[in-house]
Amino acid sequence: MYAPRTHGGLKMKDPIIQEVRAAREKLAARFNFNVKSICENARKNQKKSGHPVVSFAGKRKNIICT
């Protein structure tokens, strides 16, 4: 599924990458691999955290290059 890194023809396993992929797989399985459900849960957790949410929507300006 993912191209492994190689060093001298030997496959290298990065433990951090393996941990992140395992966590992602566990989270996806928890929501039956439904992206919409995963996003809804993330938004719910975001609101529950109490941290400010930054939005850049509407702040983009059209720049005309001449």
PDB file of N, CA and C in Angstrom:
ATOM      1  N   MET A   1       0.824  -1.185   0.000  1.00  0.00           N
ATOM      2  CA  MET A   1       0.000   0.000   0.000  1.00  0.00           C
ATOM      3  C   MET A   1       0.872   1.254   0.000  1.00  0.00           C
ATOM      4  N   TYR A   2       1.935   1.259   0.791  1.00  0.00           N
ATOM      5  CA  TYR A   2       2.827   2.394   0.851  1.00  0.00           C
ATOM      6  C   TYR A   2       4.208   1.959   0.397  1.00  0.00           C
ATOM      7  N   ALA A   3       4.881   2.839  -0.282  1.00  0.00           N
ATOM      8  CA  ALA A   3       6.231   2.531  -0.739  1.00  0.00           C
ATOM      9  C   ALA A   3       7.178   2.603   0.461  1.00  0.00           C
ATOM     10  N   PRO A   4       7.852   1.507   0.771  1.00  0.00           N
ATOM     11  CA  PRO A   4       8.782   1.534   1.890  1.00  0.00           C
ATOM     12  C   PRO A   4      10.065   2.261   1.526  1.00  0.00           C
ATOM     13  N   ARG A   5      10.674   2.879   2.512  1.00  0.00           N
ATOM     14  CA  ARG A   5      11.975   3.492   2.279  1.00  0.00           C
ATOM     15  C   ARG A   5      13.014   2.382   2.254  1.00  0.00           C
ATOM     16  N   THR A   6      14.023   2.579   1.459  1.00  0.00           N
ATOM     17  CA  THR A   6      15.071   1.570   1.398  1.00  0.00           C
ATOM     18  C   THR A   6      16.414   2.209   1.667  1.00  0.00           C
ATOM     19  N   HIS A   7      17.288   1.405   2.201  1.00  0.00           N
ATOM     20  CA  HIS A   7      18.655   1.838   2.445  1.00  0.00           C
ATOM     21  C   HIS A   7      19.548   0.673   2.036  1.00  0.00           C
ATOM     22  N   GLY A   8      20.211   0.825   0.932  1.00  0.00           N
ATOM     23  CA  GLY A   8      21.065  -0.253   0.455  1.00  0.00           C
ATOM     24  C   GLY A   8      20.293  -1.504   0.103  1.00  0.00           C
ATOM     25  N   GLY A   9      19.059  -1.334  -0.360  1.00  0.00           N
ATOM     26  CA  GLY A   9      18.247  -2.474  -0.752  1.00  0.00           C
ATOM     27  C   GLY A   9      17.465  -3.088   0.409  1.00  0.00           C
ATOM     28  N   LEU A  10      17.696  -2.615   1.647  1.00  0.00           N
ATOM     29  CA  LEU A  10      16.982  -3.135   2.799  1.00  0.00           C
ATOM     30  C   LEU A  10      15.797  -2.230   3.117  1.00  0.00           C
ATOM     31  N   LYS A  11      14.652  -2.843   3.410  1.00  0.00           N
ATOM     32  CA  LYS A  11      13.477  -2.054   3.784  1.00  0.00           C
ATOM     33  C   LYS A  11      13.658  -1.525   5.199  1.00  0.00           C
ATOM     34  N   MET A  12      13.345  -0.239   5.376  1.00  0.00           N
ATOM     35  CA  MET A  12      13.437   0.376   6.693  1.00  0.00           C
ATOM     36  C   MET A  12      12.031   0.562   7.251  1.00  0.00           C
ATOM     37  N   LYS A  13      11.855   0.258   8.517  1.00  0.00           N
ATOM     38  CA  LYS A  13      10.568   0.466   9.164  1.00  0.00           C
ATOM     39  C   LYS A  13      10.730   1.601  10.162  1.00  0.00           C
ATOM     40  N   ASP A  14       9.966   2.648   9.950  1.00  0.00           N
ATOM     41  CA  ASP A  14       9.999   3.797  10.835  1.00  0.00           C
ATOM     42  C   ASP A  14       8.943   3.582  11.921  1.00  0.00           C
ATOM     43  N   PRO A  15       9.343   3.474  13.183  1.00  0.00           N
ATOM     44  CA  PRO A  15       8.372   3.184  14.235  1.00  0.00           C
ATOM     45  C   PRO A  15       7.323   4.285  14.409  1.00  0.00           C
ATOM     46  N   ILE A  16       7.685   5.519  14.152  1.00  0.00           N
ATOM     47  CA  ILE A  16       6.718   6.613  14.283  1.00  0.00           C
ATOM     48  C   ILE A  16       5.651   6.495  13.207  1.00  0.00           C
ATOM     49  N   ILE A  17       6.084   6.228  11.972  1.00  0.00           N
ATOM     50  CA  ILE A  17       5.128   6.049  10.868  1.00  0.00           C
ATOM     51  C   ILE A  17       4.223   4.870  11.153  1.00  0.00           C
ATOM     52  N   GLN A  18       4.785   3.784  11.649  1.00  0.00           N
ATOM     53  CA  GLN A  18       3.973   2.604  11.965  1.00  0.00           C
ATOM     54  C   GLN A  18       2.935   2.924  13.050  1.00  0.00           C
ATOM     55  N   GLU A  19       3.337   3.701  14.041  1.00  0.00           N
ATOM     56  CA  GLU A  19       2.422   4.066  15.116  1.00  0.00           C
ATOM     57  C   GLU A  19       1.285   4.945  14.599  1.00  0.00           C
ATOM     58  N   VAL A  20       1.613   5.911  13.751  1.00  0.00           N
ATOM     59  CA  VAL A  20       0.590   6.802  13.183  1.00  0.00           C
ATOM     60  C   VAL A  20      -0.383   6.009  12.321  1.00  0.00           C
ATOM     61  N   ARG A  21       0.138   5.116  11.501  1.00  0.00           N
ATOM     62  CA  ARG A  21      -0.739   4.321  10.630  1.00  0.00           C
ATOM     63  C   ARG A  21      -1.629   3.389  11.438  1.00  0.00           C
ATOM     64  N   ALA A  22      -1.099   2.824  12.524  1.00  0.00           N
ATOM     65  CA  ALA A  22      -1.903   1.944  13.378  1.00  0.00           C
ATOM     66  C   ALA A  22      -3.026   2.737  14.052  1.00  0.00           C
ATOM     67  N   ALA A  23      -2.705   3.948  14.519  1.00  0.00           N
ATOM     68  CA  ALA A  23      -3.726   4.791  15.153  1.00  0.00           C
ATOM     69  C   ALA A  23      -4.801   5.187  14.147  1.00  0.00           C
ATOM     70  N   ARG A  24      -4.369   5.512  12.925  1.00  0.00           N
ATOM     71  CA  ARG A  24      -5.338   5.878  11.876  1.00  0.00           C
ATOM     72  C   ARG A  24      -6.247   4.702  11.549  1.00  0.00           C
ATOM     73  N   GLU A  25      -5.677   3.522  11.454  1.00  0.00           N
ATOM     74  CA  GLU A  25      -6.461   2.321  11.145  1.00  0.00           C
ATOM     75  C   GLU A  25      -7.467   2.038  12.260  1.00  0.00           C
ATOM     76  N   LYS A  26      -7.033   2.185  13.507  1.00  0.00           N
ATOM     77  CA  LYS A  26      -7.908   1.942  14.652  1.00  0.00           C
ATOM     78  C   LYS A  26      -9.075   2.937  14.667  1.00  0.00           C
ATOM     79  N   LEU A  27      -8.765   4.213  14.415  1.00  0.00           N
ATOM     80  CA  LEU A  27      -9.813   5.233  14.379  1.00  0.00           C
ATOM     81  C   LEU A  27     -10.790   4.964  13.237  1.00  0.00           C
ATOM     82  N   ALA A  28     -10.282   4.651  12.064  1.00  0.00           N
ATOM     83  CA  ALA A  28     -11.141   4.381  10.908  1.00  0.00           C
ATOM     84  C   ALA A  28     -12.040   3.179  11.180  1.00  0.00           C
ATOM     85  N   ALA A  29     -11.485   2.131  11.783  1.00  0.00           N
ATOM     86  CA  ALA A  29     -12.276   0.933  12.088  1.00  0.00           C
ATOM     87  C   ALA A  29     -13.374   1.254  13.103  1.00  0.00           C
ATOM     88  N   ARG A  30     -13.063   2.148  14.036  1.00  0.00           N
ATOM     89  CA  ARG A  30     -14.046   2.538  15.055  1.00  0.00           C
ATOM     90  C   ARG A  30     -15.289   3.158  14.426  1.00  0.00           C
ATOM     91  N   PHE A  31     -15.110   3.829  13.299  1.00  0.00           N
ATOM     92  CA  PHE A  31     -16.226   4.471  12.600  1.00  0.00           C
ATOM     93  C   PHE A  31     -16.591   3.734  11.307  1.00  0.00           C
ATOM     94  N   ASN A  32     -16.230   2.465  11.256  1.00  0.00           N
ATOM     95  CA  ASN A  32     -16.555   1.606  10.110  1.00  0.00           C
ATOM     96  C   ASN A  32     -16.050   2.191   8.787  1.00  0.00           C
ATOM     97  N   PHE A  33     -14.898   2.839   8.849  1.00  0.00           N
ATOM     98  CA  PHE A  33     -14.223   3.426   7.684  1.00  0.00           C
ATOM     99  C   PHE A  33     -15.095   4.451   6.946  1.00  0.00           C
ATOM    100  N   ASN A  34     -16.010   5.088   7.684  1.00  0.00           N
ATOM    101  CA  ASN A  34     -16.900   6.095   7.124  1.00  0.00           C
ATOM    102  C   ASN A  34     -16.286   7.474   7.372  1.00  0.00           C
ATOM    103  N   VAL A  35     -15.801   8.121   6.314  1.00  0.00           N
ATOM    104  CA  VAL A  35     -15.101   9.395   6.432  1.00  0.00           C
ATOM    105  C   VAL A  35     -16.013  10.474   7.026  1.00  0.00           C
ATOM    106  N   LYS A  36     -17.270  10.478   6.646  1.00  0.00           N
ATOM    107  CA  LYS A  36     -18.207  11.472   7.172  1.00  0.00           C
ATOM    108  C   LYS A  36     -18.332  11.345   8.689  1.00  0.00           C
ATOM    109  N   SER A  37     -18.433  10.128   9.177  1.00  0.00           N
ATOM    110  CA  SER A  37     -18.538   9.905  10.619  1.00  0.00           C
ATOM    111  C   SER A  37     -17.256  10.305  11.343  1.00  0.00           C
ATOM    112  N   ILE A  38     -16.120  10.028  10.736  1.00  0.00           N
ATOM    113  CA  ILE A  38     -14.834  10.400  11.324  1.00  0.00           C
ATOM    114  C   ILE A  38     -14.750  11.920  11.446  1.00  0.00           C
ATOM    115  N   CYS A  39     -15.150  12.639  10.403  1.00  0.00           N
ATOM    116  CA  CYS A  39     -15.112  14.105  10.418  1.00  0.00           C
ATOM    117  C   CYS A  39     -16.091  14.680  11.431  1.00  0.00           C
ATOM    118  N   GLU A  40     -17.281  14.119  11.516  1.00  0.00           N
ATOM    119  CA  GLU A  40     -18.263  14.584  12.501  1.00  0.00           C
ATOM    120  C   GLU A  40     -17.708  14.422  13.916  1.00  0.00           C
ATOM    121  N   ASN A  41     -17.060  13.304  14.184  1.00  0.00           N
ATOM    122  CA  ASN A  41     -16.465  13.069  15.492  1.00  0.00           C
ATOM    123  C   ASN A  41     -15.353  14.076  15.770  1.00  0.00           C
ATOM    124  N   ALA A  42     -14.539  14.365  14.758  1.00  0.00           N
ATOM    125  CA  ALA A  42     -13.455  15.337  14.930  1.00  0.00           C
ATOM    126  C   ALA A  42     -14.007  16.719  15.254  1.00  0.00           C
ATOM    127  N   ARG A  43     -15.078  17.124  14.564  1.00  0.00           N
ATOM    128  CA  ARG A  43     -15.692  18.426  14.832  1.00  0.00           C
ATOM    129  C   ARG A  43     -16.279  18.479  16.247  1.00  0.00           C
ATOM    130  N   LYS A  44     -16.905  17.376  16.668  1.00  0.00           N
ATOM    131  CA  LYS A  44     -17.479  17.300  18.006  1.00  0.00           C
ATOM    132  C   LYS A  44     -16.374  17.438  19.059  1.00  0.00           C
ATOM    133  N   ASN A  45     -15.270  16.731  18.858  1.00  0.00           N
ATOM    134  CA  ASN A  45     -14.142  16.810  19.794  1.00  0.00           C
ATOM    135  C   ASN A  45     -13.512  18.197  19.784  1.00  0.00           C
ATOM    136  N   GLN A  46     -13.494  18.825  18.621  1.00  0.00           N
ATOM    137  CA  GLN A  46     -12.937  20.171  18.493  1.00  0.00           C
ATOM    138  C   GLN A  46     -13.755  21.162  19.324  1.00  0.00           C
ATOM    139  N   LYS A  47     -15.083  21.075  19.222  1.00  0.00           N
ATOM    140  CA  LYS A  47     -15.949  21.966  19.992  1.00  0.00           C
ATOM    141  C   LYS A  47     -15.803  21.702  21.489  1.00  0.00           C
ATOM    142  N   LYS A  48     -15.716  20.420  21.850  1.00  0.00           N
ATOM    143  CA  LYS A  48     -15.626  20.033  23.251  1.00  0.00           C
ATOM    144  C   LYS A  48     -14.307  20.497  23.883  1.00  0.00           C
ATOM    145  N   SER A  49     -13.262  20.669  23.082  1.00  0.00           N
ATOM    146  CA  SER A  49     -11.947  21.025  23.615  1.00  0.00           C
ATOM    147  C   SER A  49     -11.917  22.426  24.215  1.00  0.00           C
ATOM    148  N   GLY A  50     -12.759  23.323  23.684  1.00  0.00           N
ATOM    149  CA  GLY A  50     -12.781  24.689  24.180  1.00  0.00           C
ATOM    150  C   GLY A  50     -11.710  25.583  23.566  1.00  0.00           C
ATOM    151  N   HIS A  51     -10.877  25.029  22.719  1.00  0.00           N
ATOM    152  CA  HIS A  51      -9.848  25.825  22.057  1.00  0.00           C
ATOM    153  C   HIS A  51     -10.475  26.640  20.926  1.00  0.00           C
ATOM    154  N   PRO A  52      -9.948  27.828  20.650  1.00  0.00           N
ATOM    155  CA  PRO A  52     -10.495  28.624  19.556  1.00  0.00           C
ATOM    156  C   PRO A  52     -10.240  27.949  18.207  1.00  0.00           C
ATOM    157  N   VAL A  53     -11.194  28.085  17.324  1.00  0.00           N
ATOM    158  CA  VAL A  53     -11.082  27.519  15.981  1.00  0.00           C
ATOM    159  C   VAL A  53     -10.795  28.662  15.018  1.00  0.00           C
ATOM    160  N   VAL A  54      -9.747  28.508  14.248  1.00  0.00           N
ATOM    161  CA  VAL A  54      -9.346  29.542  13.301  1.00  0.00           C
ATOM    162  C   VAL A  54      -9.908  29.206  11.934  1.00  0.00           C
ATOM    163  N   SER A  55     -10.492  30.196  11.280  1.00  0.00           N
ATOM    164  CA  SER A  55     -11.016  30.009   9.938  1.00  0.00           C
ATOM    165  C   SER A  55     -10.463  31.106   9.042  1.00  0.00           C
ATOM    166  N   PHE A  56      -9.967  30.718   7.916  1.00  0.00           N
ATOM    167  CA  PHE A  56      -9.451  31.676   6.952  1.00  0.00           C
ATOM    168  C   PHE A  56     -10.440  31.901   5.812  1.00  0.00           C
ATOM    169  N   ALA A  57     -11.621  31.345   5.935  1.00  0.00           N
ATOM    170  CA  ALA A  57     -12.632  31.496   4.899  1.00  0.00           C
ATOM    171  C   ALA A  57     -13.004  32.967   4.746  1.00  0.00           C
ATOM    172  N   GLY A  58     -13.044  33.442   3.523  1.00  0.00           N
ATOM    173  CA  GLY A  58     -13.449  34.790   3.246  1.00  0.00           C
ATOM    174  C   GLY A  58     -12.346  35.819   3.367  1.00  0.00           C
ATOM    175  N   LYS A  59     -11.167  35.412   3.815  1.00  0.00           N
ATOM    176  CA  LYS A  59     -10.067  36.350   3.979  1.00  0.00           C
ATOM    177  C   LYS A  59      -9.124  36.356   2.775  1.00  0.00           C
ATOM    178  N   ARG A  60      -9.351  35.429   1.878  1.00  0.00           N
ATOM    179  CA  ARG A  60      -8.498  35.345   0.698  1.00  0.00           C
ATOM    180  C   ARG A  60      -8.840  36.477  -0.270  1.00  0.00           C
ATOM    181  N   LYS A  61      -7.838  37.149  -0.765  1.00  0.00           N
ATOM    182  CA  LYS A  61      -8.058  38.235  -1.712  1.00  0.00           C
ATOM    183  C   LYS A  61      -7.573  37.808  -3.088  1.00  0.00           C
ATOM    184  N   ASN A  62      -8.292  38.242  -4.086  1.00  0.00           N
ATOM    185  CA  ASN A  62      -7.873  37.951  -5.454  1.00  0.00           C
ATOM    186  C   ASN A  62      -6.707  38.860  -5.825  1.00  0.00           C
ATOM    187  N   ILE A  63      -5.617  38.261  -6.154  1.00  0.00           N
ATOM    188  CA  ILE A  63      -4.435  39.036  -6.535  1.00  0.00           C
ATOM    189  C   ILE A  63      -4.287  38.939  -8.051  1.00  0.00           C
ATOM    190  N   ILE A  64      -4.246  40.068  -8.685  1.00  0.00           N
ATOM    191  CA  ILE A  64      -4.120  40.097 -10.134  1.00  0.00           C
ATOM    192  C   ILE A  64      -2.669  40.427 -10.471  1.00  0.00           C
ATOM    193  N   CYS A  65      -2.034  39.526 -11.148  1.00  0.00           N
ATOM    194  CA  CYS A  65      -0.651  39.751 -11.568  1.00  0.00           C
ATOM    195  C   CYS A  65      -0.660  40.401 -12.946  1.00  0.00           C
ATOM    196  N   THR A  66       0.134  41.440 -13.097  1.00  0.00           N
ATOM    197  CA  THR A  66       0.189  42.117 -14.409  1.00  0.00           C
ATOM    198  C   THR A  66       1.508  41.886 -15.071  1.00  0.00           C
TER     199      THR A  66
END
